Amino acid sequence: MSIPRPEHPQPQWERTNWKNLNGTWEFEFDFGNSAIDRNLWEKESFDNSIVVPFCPESRLSGIAYTDFISGAAYRRHFCLNKEEIAGRVLLHFGAVDYKAEVYVNGQSVGSHRGGYTSFSFDITEYVSAGDNVLFVSVADDVRSGLQPRGKQAAKFASNGCDYTRTTGIWQTVWLEFLPADYIENAKYFPDPYNSCVLITGTAVGQGTLTVSACWEGRTVGSRAISVKNGFFSVQLDLSEVHMWEAGKGGLYDLLFDFNGDHVKSYFGMRTVRFEGKKFMLNDKSLFQRFVLDQGFYPEGIYTAPGEEDLIKDIELSFAAGFNGARLHEKVFEPRFLYHCDRLGYLVWGEYPNWGLDHSHPLASEIYMNEWQEAVSRDFNHPAIIGWCPFNETWGYWEGKEQNALISSIYRLTRQLDPTRPCIDTSGNFHVVIDVYDIHDYDQDPEAFRERWNAFCETARANGGSIPSDSPVLVPERSPFFAQPYQGQPIFISEWGGIQWVVNDRDGWGYGNAPATAEEFFARYKGLAESMLNNEDIFGFCYTQLYDIEQEINGFYTYDRQLKFDINIIKEINGQTAKIEE
């Protein structure tokens, strides 16, 4: 049988000596969460089988059970030879939702809490040559208030903005075989102004670390350093500087060699910052023509059926004239981010904060642990041009503008990554306002344009700010404006959501559905040009790229079929924005 999702799951940290564990596993529901107490790994045979890495709710898993799954258990055998166990053996999970406890040959090797980030265990001491048994116990409760669920439905059926749930393993599981001394990790700080890249990281063991950078097969920088204390830092000077660009990409290959440990990676040379109200990519103003991408697939739910599906969503977005996306309420898999890097597709990295009770005493610990993992894992992707850890918090606890969880996560993000901007909360309510990020679903283009023109004119008349008692902040037609404006860059990060039905499907979108395609295009054009022609707005994000289940406001259907002539949308989006002039 062919292995589903056979490609290397982490192309930015790739070794040749690895083994994909995707495929058919034994599977059993564990609604009583008693698998560990029952030593279920010892059971002679399990009740079902499942195709990993697809969740049991999905059709591709072979199970398609869509009711709540409080627990599940997985088991599979794998065979190792003497060469593979001669060094270190690492067991990797791309993502398991939500809590995973892992056993190898009947012994606990560790656990992980968090449904969206990758984790691994050193299982060298637990494996032997020949047959080995891997067992994974999973617990999942999206209604607990103690786990972020994103857009997974907290009710039995999909409803509103929530869709089919994902439980258990939903990204690739793989083994990696390393020598006794190896490189653990590395972070890249490209510096085009000084024609170099700074690399920091950690390694196990002592010896000489050689790092080489290549451009189109040519070595353009190389250096060898001594590593003795675990941590290393090296400045790699480059003989050629090639910028990573929107819509083009442009990646340097990066090769590591340490005591026989060979790692292949890459980086992009680019800068991101704000200059006044302008978003600057490589010191040039770029209007962010973004679209909302929620990362759902009809057959795989959270998991793309194949790598070609990851690429297709980027191509569909480009075809509509967008240059990037908000990766919404989900931490996307590294393989998707690789293709964003390769193709020059800009994205905001986000987190699925919905479902977590922000007022609970454990909320900070739960949030910080997984968010740190997400930022650390994805730090090196040039396509990620900013972080946004929260979406529409609706004034949880402590007051609308005094939420310590939001401000703490913002400060943590800036500590973890000083190279990118951070939006504390997309929509409302902001606590630390670097970007005035607003959701506005008004369907009347004229009212939309007048409101935003008045907003910006009022700010200019008041020396760049708008006091909290100004009526322009809380117009009757848009309840999302809740805080004073102090001259920050303006991002309309959700708008539109115009419903358009094909094949007489039932569903919903924002506002009344247009009667004709011409009416749809006119509405879209009026709304989009309101922002493109406003010299104070640096970007927008349209809701959304494709339909998802009952939500029918995409340019494409859920199975990624065109609804109408996408070239008309592309032409509208392709206009030069005022802020780019």
Protein backbone atom coordinates (compact mmCIF):
# COMPACT_ATOMS: atom_id res chain seq x y z
CA MET A 1 0.00 0.00 0.00
CA SER A 2 1.29 3.49 -0.82
CA ILE A 3 2.01 5.74 2.16
CA PRO A 4 -0.35 8.74 2.45
CA ARG A 5 1.40 12.09 2.67
CA PRO A 6 4.82 10.53 1.93
CA GLU A 7 6.76 13.80 1.56
CA HIS A 8 9.14 14.97 4.29
CA PRO A 9 6.96 16.87 6.79
CA GLN A 10 9.60 19.44 7.79
CA PRO A 11 11.47 20.61 4.66
CA GLN A 12 13.21 23.38 6.58
CA TRP A 13 15.00 20.81 8.77
CA GLU A 14 15.52 17.75 6.64
CA ARG A 15 17.75 14.73 7.10
CA THR A 16 17.94 11.93 4.53
CA ASN A 17 17.87 9.20 7.17
CA TRP A 18 14.21 9.11 8.21
CA LYS A 19 11.18 6.80 8.07
CA ASN A 20 7.57 7.82 7.46
CA LEU A 21 5.12 6.03 9.80
CA ASN A 22 1.95 7.13 8.01
CA GLY A 23 -0.42 4.45 6.78
CA THR A 24 -2.75 1.94 8.39
CA TRP A 25 -2.63 1.77 12.19
CA GLU A 26 -4.78 -0.14 14.65
CA PHE A 27 -7.38 2.13 16.22
CA GLU A 28 -9.86 2.05 19.06
CA PHE A 29 -12.25 4.60 20.55
CA ASP A 30 -11.56 5.30 24.21
CA PHE A 31 -14.59 7.26 25.40
CA GLY A 32 -13.78 6.53 29.04
CA ASN A 33 -10.20 7.80 28.71
CA SER A 34 -9.03 4.61 30.37
CA ALA A 35 -6.58 3.27 27.77
CA ILE A 36 -3.53 3.82 29.96
CA ASP A 37 -5.16 2.35 33.07
CA ARG A 38 -6.16 -0.72 31.04
CA ASN A 39 -2.70 -1.20 29.47
CA LEU A 40 -4.53 -1.17 26.17
CA TRP A 41 -1.27 -1.54 24.23
CA GLU A 42 -1.23 -5.18 25.42
CA LYS A 43 -4.56 -6.02 23.78
CA GLU A 44 -4.28 -8.79 21.20
CA SER A 45 -6.13 -6.89 18.49
CA PHE A 46 -7.87 -3.51 18.25
CA ASP A 47 -11.47 -3.01 17.16
CA ASN A 48 -10.74 -0.82 14.12
CA SER A 49 -8.04 0.42 11.80
CA ILE A 50 -7.33 3.98 10.71
CA VAL A 51 -5.31 5.65 7.98
CA VAL A 52 -2.82 8.05 9.59
CA PRO A 53 -2.39 11.05 9.35
CA PHE A 54 -6.13 11.58 8.85
CA CYS A 55 -8.35 12.20 11.89
CA PRO A 56 -11.14 9.70 12.68
CA GLU A 57 -13.77 12.32 11.81
CA SER A 58 -12.53 12.43 8.21
CA ARG A 59 -13.55 10.18 5.35
CA LEU A 60 -9.90 9.66 4.37
CA SER A 61 -9.24 8.00 7.75
CA GLY A 62 -11.62 5.19 6.82
CA ILE A 63 -13.77 5.87 9.91
CA ALA A 64 -15.70 9.16 9.41
CA TYR A 65 -17.14 9.27 12.94
CA THR A 66 -18.25 12.88 13.51
CA ASP A 67 -19.75 12.82 17.01
CA PHE A 68 -17.62 13.96 19.97
CA ILE A 69 -14.58 11.75 20.59
CA SER A 70 -13.30 12.16 24.14
CA GLY A 71 -10.50 9.67 23.70
CA ALA A 72 -8.85 7.34 21.22
CA ALA A 73 -5.95 4.92 21.03
CA TYR A 74 -3.57 4.09 18.19
CA ARG A 75 -1.10 1.26 17.74
CA ARG A 76 1.32 0.18 15.04
CA HIS A 77 4.41 -1.98 14.67
CA PHE A 78 7.60 -0.75 13.05
CA CYS A 79 10.84 -2.54 12.28
CA LEU A 80 14.36 -1.18 12.82
CA ASN A 81 17.71 -2.58 11.78
CA LYS A 82 21.04 -2.42 13.61
CA GLU A 83 22.29 0.54 11.57
CA GLU A 84 19.22 2.61 12.43
CA ILE A 85 19.62 2.09 16.19
CA ALA A 86 23.40 2.65 16.19
CA GLY A 87 22.93 6.36 17.02
CA ARG A 88 19.94 8.33 18.29
CA VAL A 89 16.35 7.53 17.30
CA LEU A 90 13.86 10.40 17.44
CA LEU A 91 10.08 9.94 17.17
CA HIS A 92 8.25 12.96 15.69
CA PHE A 93 4.58 13.94 15.60
CA GLY A 94 3.47 16.78 13.33
CA ALA A 95 0.37 17.40 15.46
CA VAL A 96 -1.99 15.43 17.73
CA ASP A 97 -5.21 16.98 19.02
CA TYR A 98 -5.27 17.38 21.98
CA LYS A 99 -3.34 15.52 24.69
CA ALA A 100 -1.11 12.65 23.61
CA GLU A 101 0.57 10.02 25.77
CA VAL A 102 3.13 7.93 23.91
CA TYR A 103 4.41 4.45 24.71
CA VAL A 104 7.09 2.45 22.90
CA ASN A 105 7.31 -1.27 23.61
CA GLY A 106 5.07 -0.85 26.64
CA GLN A 107 7.11 1.95 28.21
CA SER A 108 6.08 5.59 28.52
CA VAL A 109 8.34 7.89 26.51
CA GLY A 110 6.47 11.14 27.20
CA SER A 111 3.34 13.18 26.69
CA HIS A 112 2.35 16.40 24.95
CA ARG A 113 -0.53 18.82 25.45
CA GLY A 114 -1.60 21.01 22.54
CA GLY A 115 -3.41 20.11 19.35
CA TYR A 116 -1.58 22.24 16.80
CA THR A 117 2.19 22.05 17.33
CA SER A 118 4.87 19.49 16.62
CA PHE A 119 6.69 17.47 19.28
CA SER A 120 9.24 14.68 19.48
CA PHE A 121 10.80 12.18 21.87
CA ASP A 122 14.22 10.55 21.97
CA ILE A 123 13.29 6.86 22.01
CA THR A 124 16.80 5.45 21.65
CA GLU A 125 16.65 3.66 24.99
CA TYR A 126 13.25 2.13 24.24
CA VAL A 127 13.78 0.48 20.85
CA SER A 128 15.73 -2.52 19.59
CA ALA A 129 16.59 -4.15 16.29
CA GLY A 130 13.61 -5.97 14.86
CA ASP A 131 9.93 -5.42 15.68
CA ASN A 132 8.84 -2.51 17.92
CA VAL A 133 5.39 -1.34 19.03
CA LEU A 134 4.24 2.29 19.13
CA PHE A 135 1.11 3.15 21.15
CA VAL A 136 -0.56 6.58 21.36
CA SER A 137 -3.39 7.48 23.74
CA VAL A 138 -5.33 10.65 22.95
CA ALA A 139 -7.71 12.78 25.03
CA ASP A 140 -9.77 15.56 23.46
CA ASP A 141 -12.55 17.80 24.81
CA VAL A 142 -13.36 20.94 22.83
CA ARG A 143 -16.10 21.86 25.34
CA SER A 144 -13.85 21.93 28.41
CA GLY A 145 -12.79 25.56 28.14
CA LEU A 146 -9.26 24.33 28.82
CA GLN A 147 -8.08 23.74 25.28
CA PRO A 148 -7.98 26.01 22.24
CA ARG A 149 -10.19 24.48 19.55
CA GLY A 150 -10.13 27.11 16.80
CA LYS A 151 -13.02 26.57 14.40
CA GLN A 152 -13.87 23.05 15.60
CA ALA A 153 -17.56 22.88 16.50
CA ALA A 154 -18.44 22.90 20.20
CA LYS A 155 -21.96 21.70 19.30
CA PHE A 156 -22.79 18.31 17.83
CA ALA A 157 -23.15 19.61 14.28
CA SER A 158 -21.25 22.24 12.35
CA ASN A 159 -22.84 25.64 12.82
CA GLY A 160 -22.12 29.30 12.18
CA CYS A 161 -18.36 29.74 11.90
CA ASP A 162 -17.57 26.31 13.39
CA TYR A 163 -16.97 23.15 11.41
CA THR A 164 -16.26 19.42 11.75
CA ARG A 165 -13.92 18.55 14.62
CA THR A 166 -10.46 16.94 14.45
CA THR A 167 -9.34 14.44 17.10
CA GLY A 168 -6.02 12.69 17.48
CA ILE A 169 -3.21 12.38 14.95
CA TRP A 170 -3.69 14.75 12.01
CA GLN A 171 -0.16 15.34 10.73
CA THR A 172 2.65 13.01 9.72
CA VAL A 173 4.35 10.71 12.24
CA TRP A 174 7.98 9.87 11.46
CA LEU A 175 11.24 8.48 12.81
CA GLU A 176 14.61 10.16 12.42
CA PHE A 177 17.97 8.43 12.79
CA LEU A 178 20.84 10.60 14.01
CA PRO A 179 24.46 10.07 15.08
CA ALA A 180 25.30 10.40 18.76
CA ASP A 181 26.29 14.05 18.20
CA TYR A 182 23.73 16.13 16.33
CA ILE A 183 22.29 19.60 15.76
CA GLU A 184 19.10 20.20 17.75
CA ASN A 185 17.84 23.42 16.19
CA ALA A 186 18.79 26.70 14.55
CA LYS A 187 17.30 30.18 14.08
CA TYR A 188 18.06 32.44 11.12
CA PHE A 189 18.35 36.22 11.12
CA PRO A 190 18.89 37.34 7.51
CA ASP A 191 20.56 40.76 7.21
CA PRO A 192 20.54 42.06 3.61
CA TYR A 193 21.92 45.44 4.70
CA ASN A 194 25.17 43.74 5.72
CA SER A 195 25.13 40.87 3.22
CA CYS A 196 25.00 38.14 5.86
CA VAL A 197 22.79 35.81 7.84
CA LEU A 198 23.21 35.30 11.60
CA ILE A 199 22.52 31.74 12.73
CA THR A 200 22.04 30.68 16.33
CA GLY A 201 21.20 27.23 17.66
CA THR A 202 22.05 24.33 19.91
CA ALA A 203 23.86 21.04 19.36
CA VAL A 204 24.44 17.86 21.33
CA GLY A 205 28.16 17.01 21.58
CA GLN A 206 31.37 18.82 20.75
CA GLY A 207 33.14 19.34 17.46
CA THR A 208 33.28 21.40 14.30
CA LEU A 209 30.08 22.77 12.78
CA THR A 210 30.24 23.72 9.11
CA VAL A 211 27.50 25.89 7.62
CA SER A 212 27.20 26.61 3.90
CA ALA A 213 24.75 28.75 1.94
CA CYS A 214 24.02 28.14 -1.74
CA TRP A 215 22.13 30.11 -4.35
CA GLU A 216 20.98 28.18 -7.43
CA GLY A 217 23.65 25.56 -6.75
CA ARG A 218 26.50 28.04 -6.19
CA THR A 219 28.13 28.23 -2.77
CA VAL A 220 27.86 31.88 -1.72
CA GLY A 221 28.99 31.57 1.89
CA SER A 222 30.60 28.99 4.15
CA ARG A 223 32.07 28.91 7.62
CA ALA A 224 33.28 26.39 10.17
CA ILE A 225 33.10 27.03 13.92
CA SER A 226 33.89 25.09 17.07
CA VAL A 227 30.94 23.96 19.20
CA LYS A 228 31.68 23.02 22.81
CA ASN A 229 28.91 24.16 25.12
CA GLY A 230 25.71 23.30 23.24
CA PHE A 231 24.84 26.80 22.09
CA PHE A 232 26.38 28.19 18.91
CA SER A 233 26.26 31.42 16.97
CA VAL A 234 27.74 32.07 13.54
CA GLN A 235 27.62 35.01 11.14
CA LEU A 236 27.67 33.74 7.58
CA ASP A 237 28.84 36.40 5.12
CA LEU A 238 27.30 36.10 1.65
CA SER A 239 28.99 36.91 -1.65
CA GLU A 240 25.61 37.34 -3.35
CA VAL A 241 22.47 38.98 -1.99
CA HIS A 242 19.16 37.99 -3.58
CA MET A 243 15.96 39.28 -2.03
CA TRP A 244 12.95 37.13 -1.27
CA GLU A 245 9.99 38.84 -2.97
CA ALA A 246 6.21 38.68 -2.92
CA GLY A 247 4.91 36.49 -5.72
CA LYS A 248 8.42 35.26 -6.60
CA GLY A 249 10.01 33.81 -3.48
CA GLY A 250 13.74 33.22 -3.71
CA LEU A 251 15.38 30.81 -1.26
CA TYR A 252 18.96 30.10 -0.29
CA ASP A 253 19.80 26.47 0.44
CA LEU A 254 21.48 26.06 3.83
CA LEU A 255 23.58 22.99 4.67
CA PHE A 256 24.76 21.97 8.15
CA ASP A 257 27.44 19.38 8.93
CA PHE A 258 28.32 18.45 12.51
CA ASN A 259 30.21 15.27 13.36
CA GLY A 260 28.46 13.38 10.59
CA ASP A 261 25.03 14.91 11.17
CA HIS A 262 23.89 16.43 7.87
CA VAL A 263 20.87 18.75 7.81
CA LYS A 264 19.41 20.50 4.78
CA SER A 265 17.53 23.75 5.32
CA TYR A 266 16.85 27.09 3.62
CA PHE A 267 16.21 30.76 4.33
CA GLY A 268 14.93 33.84 2.53
CA MET A 269 16.58 37.25 2.52
CA ARG A 270 13.92 39.85 3.25
CA THR A 271 12.96 42.59 5.72
CA VAL A 272 9.52 43.51 7.10
CA ARG A 273 8.60 46.59 9.11
CA PHE A 274 6.16 49.48 9.32
CA GLU A 275 7.11 52.97 8.24
CA GLY A 276 4.40 55.25 9.54
CA LYS A 277 1.22 53.63 8.24
CA LYS A 278 2.95 51.74 5.44
CA PHE A 279 3.85 48.06 5.52
CA MET A 280 7.34 47.78 4.09
CA LEU A 281 8.65 44.62 2.46
CA ASN A 282 12.31 45.07 1.56
CA ASP A 283 11.93 48.83 2.17
CA LYS A 284 9.09 49.15 -0.36
CA SER A 285 5.47 49.87 0.51
CA LEU A 286 3.32 46.81 -0.21
CA PHE A 287 -0.45 46.70 0.15
CA GLN A 288 -1.45 43.42 1.76
CA ARG A 289 -4.08 41.97 -0.57
CA PHE A 290 -4.92 39.07 1.73
CA VAL A 291 -7.61 36.44 1.89
CA LEU A 292 -8.80 34.34 4.83
CA ASP A 293 -7.62 30.71 4.63
CA GLN A 294 -8.89 28.38 7.36
CA GLY A 295 -7.15 25.21 6.24
CA PHE A 296 -10.13 22.83 5.92
CA TYR A 297 -10.55 20.06 3.34
CA PRO A 298 -13.76 18.12 2.55
CA GLU A 299 -12.14 14.67 2.74
CA GLY A 300 -9.38 15.29 5.31
CA ILE A 301 -10.88 18.05 7.52
CA TYR A 302 -7.70 19.61 9.01
CA THR A 303 -5.37 17.49 6.83
CA ALA A 304 -4.80 18.07 3.13
CA PRO A 305 -5.29 14.83 1.16
CA GLY A 306 -1.99 15.39 -0.65
CA GLU A 307 0.80 17.89 -1.06
CA GLU A 308 -0.74 19.07 -4.33
CA ASP A 309 -3.74 20.34 -2.32
CA LEU A 310 -1.47 22.58 -0.26
CA ILE A 311 0.01 24.07 -3.41
CA LYS A 312 -3.38 24.42 -5.09
CA ASP A 313 -4.78 26.71 -2.38
CA ILE A 314 -1.88 29.12 -2.86
CA GLU A 315 -2.33 29.03 -6.62
CA LEU A 316 -6.08 29.68 -6.27
CA SER A 317 -5.34 32.70 -4.14
CA PHE A 318 -2.80 34.05 -6.63
CA ALA A 319 -5.35 33.50 -9.41
CA ALA A 320 -7.74 35.84 -7.58
CA GLY A 321 -5.09 38.56 -7.31
CA PHE A 322 -4.18 38.09 -3.65
CA ASN A 323 -0.58 38.17 -2.44
CA GLY A 324 -1.09 36.43 0.89
CA ALA A 325 -3.42 35.13 3.58
CA ARG A 326 -4.35 35.15 7.20
CA LEU A 327 -3.87 31.52 8.26
CA HIS A 328 -6.95 31.70 10.39
CA GLU A 329 -7.62 30.05 13.80
CA LYS A 330 -5.17 27.24 13.03
CA VAL A 331 -1.42 26.59 13.09
CA PHE A 332 -0.76 25.35 9.56
CA GLU A 333 1.58 22.46 8.85
CA PRO A 334 5.24 23.23 7.95
CA ARG A 335 4.85 21.72 4.48
CA PHE A 336 2.25 24.36 3.60
CA LEU A 337 4.55 27.09 4.91
CA TYR A 338 7.37 25.70 2.77
CA HIS A 339 5.31 26.25 -0.36
CA CYS A 340 4.44 29.76 0.83
CA ASP A 341 8.18 30.37 1.19
CA ARG A 342 8.94 28.86 -2.21
CA LEU A 343 6.24 30.80 -4.07
CA GLY A 344 6.51 34.15 -2.27
CA TYR A 345 3.10 33.97 -0.58
CA LEU A 346 2.87 36.27 2.44
CA VAL A 347 1.03 35.05 5.56
CA TRP A 348 0.18 36.09 9.10
CA GLY A 349 0.86 33.25 11.55
CA GLU A 350 -2.10 32.83 13.92
CA TYR A 351 -3.36 30.60 16.71
CA PRO A 352 -6.73 28.85 17.33
CA ASN A 353 -7.62 30.73 20.52
CA TRP A 354 -11.38 30.10 20.31
CA GLY A 355 -12.58 27.60 22.89
CA LEU A 356 -10.10 28.53 25.63
CA ASP A 357 -11.63 30.16 28.70
CA HIS A 358 -9.30 33.14 29.04
CA SER A 359 -10.50 33.76 32.59
CA HIS A 360 -9.42 30.34 33.87
CA PRO A 361 -6.32 30.32 36.13
CA LEU A 362 -4.64 27.82 33.80
CA ALA A 363 -5.29 29.81 30.63
CA SER A 364 -1.91 31.56 30.63
CA GLU A 365 0.02 28.32 31.05
CA ILE A 366 -2.00 26.52 28.38
CA TYR A 367 -1.69 29.36 25.91
CA MET A 368 1.97 30.20 26.48
CA ASN A 369 3.20 26.62 26.18
CA GLU A 370 1.73 25.95 22.77
CA TRP A 371 2.13 29.45 21.36
CA GLN A 372 5.86 29.34 22.19
CA GLU A 373 6.09 26.03 20.35
CA ALA A 374 4.32 27.50 17.32
CA VAL A 375 6.48 30.62 17.08
CA SER A 376 9.71 28.66 17.67
CA ARG A 377 8.82 26.01 15.08
CA ASP A 378 7.87 28.51 12.36
CA PHE A 379 10.32 31.33 13.13
CA ASN A 380 12.52 30.73 10.06
CA HIS A 381 9.80 30.91 7.40
CA PRO A 382 10.27 34.09 5.32
CA ALA A 383 6.62 33.91 4.18
CA ILE A 384 5.44 34.67 7.73
CA ILE A 385 5.48 38.46 7.89
CA GLY A 386 3.72 38.86 11.25
CA TRP A 387 2.13 37.12 14.23
CA CYS A 388 -1.43 37.37 15.52
CA PRO A 389 -2.04 35.16 18.59
CA PHE A 390 -5.70 36.09 19.24
CA ASN A 391 -8.82 36.55 17.14
CA GLU A 392 -11.97 38.39 18.33
CA THR A 393 -11.60 38.00 22.09
CA TRP A 394 -14.81 39.95 22.78
CA GLY A 395 -13.59 41.53 26.02
CA TYR A 396 -12.82 38.40 28.04
CA TRP A 397 -12.33 38.92 31.78
CA GLU A 398 -10.48 41.93 33.29
CA GLY A 399 -12.21 44.41 30.99
CA LYS A 400 -12.09 45.10 27.29
CA GLU A 401 -8.73 46.90 27.29
CA GLN A 402 -7.00 45.41 30.33
CA ASN A 403 -6.63 41.70 29.59
CA ALA A 404 -3.35 40.52 31.10
CA LEU A 405 -3.35 37.29 29.08
CA ILE A 406 -3.43 39.17 25.79
CA SER A 407 -0.79 41.70 26.83
CA SER A 408 1.43 38.95 28.26
CA ILE A 409 1.23 36.87 25.08
CA TYR A 410 1.98 39.98 23.03
CA ARG A 411 5.11 40.70 25.09
CA LEU A 412 6.14 37.04 24.92
CA THR A 413 5.78 37.09 21.13
CA ARG A 414 7.97 40.17 20.83
CA GLN A 415 10.57 38.49 23.04
CA LEU A 416 10.51 35.31 20.96
CA ASP A 417 10.64 37.21 17.69
CA PRO A 418 11.79 40.85 17.56
CA THR A 419 11.97 40.72 13.74
CA ARG A 420 8.24 40.73 12.93
CA PRO A 421 5.25 42.90 13.84
CA CYS A 422 2.63 41.44 16.18
CA ILE A 423 -1.11 42.12 16.25
CA ASP A 424 -2.29 41.41 19.79
CA THR A 425 -5.87 40.61 18.69
CA SER A 426 -7.42 40.54 15.26
CA GLY A 427 -10.72 42.39 15.43
CA ASN A 428 -11.55 43.25 19.00
CA PHE A 429 -10.57 43.87 21.68
CA HIS A 430 -7.05 45.29 21.43
CA VAL A 431 -4.90 45.68 24.52
CA VAL A 432 -1.48 46.58 23.05
CA ILE A 433 -2.20 48.39 19.80
CA ASP A 434 0.67 48.33 17.28
CA VAL A 435 -1.74 47.80 14.38
CA TYR A 436 -5.32 49.08 14.32
CA ASP A 437 -6.83 45.82 13.12
CA ILE A 438 -10.57 45.91 12.40
CA HIS A 439 -13.27 43.50 11.17
CA ASP A 440 -15.95 45.27 9.17
CA TYR A 441 -18.61 43.26 7.30
CA ASP A 442 -20.73 46.17 6.09
CA GLN A 443 -22.13 45.14 2.69
CA ASP A 444 -22.93 48.69 1.50
CA PRO A 445 -19.90 49.92 -0.50
CA GLU A 446 -20.87 53.56 -0.25
CA ALA A 447 -21.40 53.48 3.52
CA PHE A 448 -18.18 51.49 3.90
CA ARG A 449 -16.21 54.06 1.88
CA GLU A 450 -17.73 57.06 3.64
CA ARG A 451 -17.06 55.59 7.08
CA TRP A 452 -13.39 54.88 6.43
CA ASN A 453 -12.82 58.20 4.70
CA ALA A 454 -14.42 59.96 7.67
CA PHE A 455 -12.34 57.87 10.08
CA CYS A 456 -9.07 58.85 8.41
CA GLU A 457 -10.09 62.48 7.92
CA THR A 458 -11.05 62.75 11.59
CA ALA A 459 -7.68 61.31 12.60
CA ARG A 460 -5.80 63.82 10.45
CA ALA A 461 -7.87 66.68 11.83
CA ASN A 462 -7.00 65.58 15.38
CA GLY A 463 -3.25 65.34 14.81
CA GLY A 464 -3.34 61.65 13.90
CA SER A 465 -5.55 60.26 16.67
CA ILE A 466 -9.23 59.83 17.51
CA PRO A 467 -10.44 60.05 21.12
CA SER A 468 -12.62 57.28 22.52
CA ASP A 469 -15.69 59.52 22.74
CA SER A 470 -15.64 60.37 19.04
CA PRO A 471 -18.82 59.19 17.25
CA VAL A 472 -16.73 58.04 14.29
CA LEU A 473 -15.42 55.13 16.41
CA VAL A 474 -18.82 53.58 17.08
CA PRO A 475 -21.06 54.13 14.04
CA GLU A 476 -24.42 52.43 14.14
CA ARG A 477 -23.65 50.22 11.16
CA SER A 478 -20.44 48.70 12.54
CA PRO A 479 -20.21 47.61 16.20
CA PHE A 480 -16.57 46.46 15.94
CA PHE A 481 -14.95 49.82 16.63
CA ALA A 482 -14.36 49.81 20.36
CA GLN A 483 -11.13 51.62 21.13
CA PRO A 484 -9.43 54.97 20.58
CA TYR A 485 -7.19 55.38 17.56
CA GLN A 486 -3.68 56.73 18.05
CA GLY A 487 -2.23 56.85 14.56
CA GLN A 488 -1.34 53.19 14.10
CA PRO A 489 -1.23 51.43 10.69
CA ILE A 490 -4.77 50.37 9.69
CA PHE A 491 -5.59 46.81 8.60
CA ILE A 492 -9.14 45.77 7.64
CA SER A 493 -8.42 42.12 8.39
CA GLU A 494 -11.94 40.77 7.80
CA TRP A 495 -14.46 42.16 5.35
CA GLY A 496 -16.81 41.08 2.61
CA GLY A 497 -17.88 37.51 3.22
CA ILE A 498 -20.35 37.94 0.37
CA GLN A 499 -22.46 34.81 0.04
CA TRP A 500 -22.76 33.24 -3.37
CA VAL A 501 -24.63 29.97 -3.76
CA VAL A 502 -23.92 27.36 -6.42
CA ASN A 503 -25.81 24.11 -6.99
CA ASP A 504 -28.66 25.37 -4.73
CA ARG A 505 -26.69 24.64 -1.56
CA ASP A 506 -28.03 25.77 1.80
CA GLY A 507 -25.70 27.93 3.84
CA TRP A 508 -24.93 31.44 4.92
CA GLY A 509 -22.70 34.42 4.26
CA TYR A 510 -22.67 38.05 5.36
CA GLY A 511 -25.51 40.28 4.28
CA ASN A 512 -27.98 39.53 1.52
CA ALA A 513 -26.79 37.40 -1.36
CA PRO A 514 -26.36 39.31 -4.64
CA ALA A 515 -29.02 38.47 -7.22
CA THR A 516 -26.51 38.22 -10.09
CA ALA A 517 -22.79 37.76 -10.62
CA GLU A 518 -22.64 41.35 -11.86
CA GLU A 519 -24.07 42.52 -8.54
CA PHE A 520 -21.48 40.44 -6.70
CA PHE A 521 -18.63 41.99 -8.69
CA ALA A 522 -20.00 45.51 -8.19
CA ARG A 523 -20.25 45.02 -4.43
CA TYR A 524 -16.77 43.52 -4.24
CA LYS A 525 -15.30 46.28 -6.39
CA GLY A 526 -16.88 49.04 -4.31
CA LEU A 527 -15.72 47.58 -1.01
CA ALA A 528 -12.21 46.75 -2.21
CA GLU A 529 -11.61 50.12 -3.85
CA SER A 530 -12.72 51.88 -0.65
CA MET A 531 -9.56 50.48 0.94
CA LEU A 532 -7.24 50.45 -2.07
CA ASN A 533 -7.93 54.15 -2.61
CA ASN A 534 -7.50 55.13 1.05
CA GLU A 535 -3.94 56.37 1.63
CA ASP A 536 -4.06 55.42 5.34
CA ILE A 537 -4.95 51.71 4.96
CA PHE A 538 -2.04 49.30 4.40
CA GLY A 539 -3.99 46.11 3.74
CA PHE A 540 -7.17 44.07 3.75
CA CYS A 541 -8.14 40.44 4.19
CA TYR A 542 -11.27 39.17 2.43
CA THR A 543 -13.47 36.48 3.97
CA GLN A 544 -12.77 33.97 2.40
CA LEU A 545 -10.90 31.89 -0.19
CA TYR A 546 -13.29 28.90 -0.38
CA ASP A 547 -16.58 27.75 1.15
CA ILE A 548 -16.39 25.55 4.25
CA GLU A 549 -19.35 23.30 4.96
CA GLN A 550 -22.31 25.60 5.77
CA GLU A 551 -20.37 28.83 5.18
CA ILE A 552 -20.74 29.75 1.50
CA ASN A 553 -18.85 33.03 1.16
CA GLY A 554 -15.76 31.82 -0.70
CA PHE A 555 -14.61 32.55 -4.25
CA TYR A 556 -14.39 28.80 -4.69
CA THR A 557 -16.58 25.96 -3.50
CA TYR A 558 -15.42 23.70 -0.66
CA ASP A 559 -13.97 21.28 -3.23
CA ARG A 560 -12.10 24.22 -4.80
CA GLN A 561 -14.22 24.69 -7.92
CA LEU A 562 -14.67 28.14 -9.44
CA LYS A 563 -17.95 29.93 -8.77
CA PHE A 564 -17.52 32.64 -11.42
CA ASP A 565 -14.91 34.45 -13.53
CA ILE A 566 -12.05 34.91 -11.07
CA ASN A 567 -10.18 37.18 -13.50
CA ILE A 568 -12.60 39.99 -12.66
CA ILE A 569 -11.64 39.71 -8.98
CA LYS A 570 -7.97 39.56 -9.94
CA GLU A 571 -8.25 42.75 -11.98
CA ILE A 572 -9.90 44.60 -9.08
CA ASN A 573 -7.29 43.41 -6.58
CA GLY A 574 -4.44 44.24 -8.96
CA GLN A 575 -5.00 47.99 -8.86
CA THR A 576 -2.16 50.02 -7.35
CA ALA A 577 -3.12 51.07 -3.84
CA LYS A 578 -2.78 54.70 -2.73
CA ILE A 579 -0.41 53.71 0.06
CA GLU A 580 1.89 52.06 -2.52
CA GLU A 581 2.27 55.20 -4.64
